[in-house]
Every structure is written in C-alpha cells, then in structure tokens.
C-alpha cells in the first residue's frame, strides 16, 4: 500500500483533499453510496479506471476509514466494499460538487459513458421528505432512499418493496434535471415525468399538475 500523500497544510480543506483528492476516489464514493458493491461491479460502473488504480484507491479508502471490505455469507460468498459512517458523510459533498458542475455538463458527447444510476444523485437533490422512490428509465431502473439518515442513498434495479413513489421518465428529461435546466416539479407539470404511488412524495409531486 502506498504511503498517504499530504499537502502538509494546516487547513481542513487540504486535509480533506489528502483523503479524497486523488483521481477516481470521489467517483468510487459515488458508486458506494448505492450500498455494498463487489470489486467487479465497481470496475464495470467506473469505465476508464484501471484495475491497479481501483485496487489502490480502495485500499487507501480502507486505510483512511472511508470504506470497509467484508465477505458476504453463503451462498454469495463474495467480498464487497461499503462506505463507513465517515465515508457516507461525503454524500452532501458529492451533491454539492454535482450541483456546482451542472453548467459543465452540456449535451452528452459521443465518448461519454452513461449508467442509469448516475442520475440518482441529481434526482435526490430534487426530492424532499422521506421515502422510497423507484425510477424507471429506458437505460435501466434504480431506486432512491430519500431523506434516509443512514444506509444507502440509492440502489440499482427496482425498489425492494412497494415504493412511496414511482417515476417514469426518459434520459433526455434526466439530462435536463442533471444540467439544472428544469426542476422535477416543472418536468412533472409538463408531462415529462409520470408519477404514481400513494406516498407523500408522490402526492406532493402530483400537486405540480394543478399548478398554473
């Protein structure tokens, strides 16, 4: 394991960057916000990262108390990585960074990779309250744990139980939301998002349909 590099500056921002400033680290955090992930899953959802760099970053995150590695019980019997409580505290940091980067997103380039669950964090920024939300896109399904104080922020695939709200939309609409060009309520009002469900989140979003 490589020794931890430091800026050697008595500044909390510099100390934070000592831990998460290396290339790929915050994107690994983004993936682990979905809960425990196998190494192969992380590598598949981080196109462009080499196996050596991914392994090195994960070891650094374990050493620095941001992530842990554990073996799942049979029949899975696989090792997974997951964020510690300290690591999960990076959620608002990732959210703020994503909001700051909205003007840089622009239209998707031909070389840009995309995964359905990468839209999870922009959608989380658009939702208030607490509850389980399922999102259906042509590229795949994912679910959000809105307002959850602990545990995963989102997950791949359909919701594990009946969600409080179910959203159906296309990637173009998700792109508008991610770029800050539209609010979720406005997209609902314009008929770009179909909302079903009986939870509070669904009811609040459907109120947008009655707004003038």
Foldseek 3Di string as FASTA:
>chain_A
DDDQDAPPDPDVVRVVCSQQVDPPRVVLLVVQLQPWDALVRSPVVDPPDDSVVSVVSLVSCVVVQQKDWDADDPPVRGITIHGDPVNNVCLVVVLVVLVVCLQVPPDDDPPDDDAPCVLLSLVLVQFDDFWKEWEDEPRAIKIAGRPDPDDHGIHGHGDPDDTQKYKYAYVVVSSCSSSVVDHLLVCVCVVRIDMDHNHPRSVVSVVSVVDD
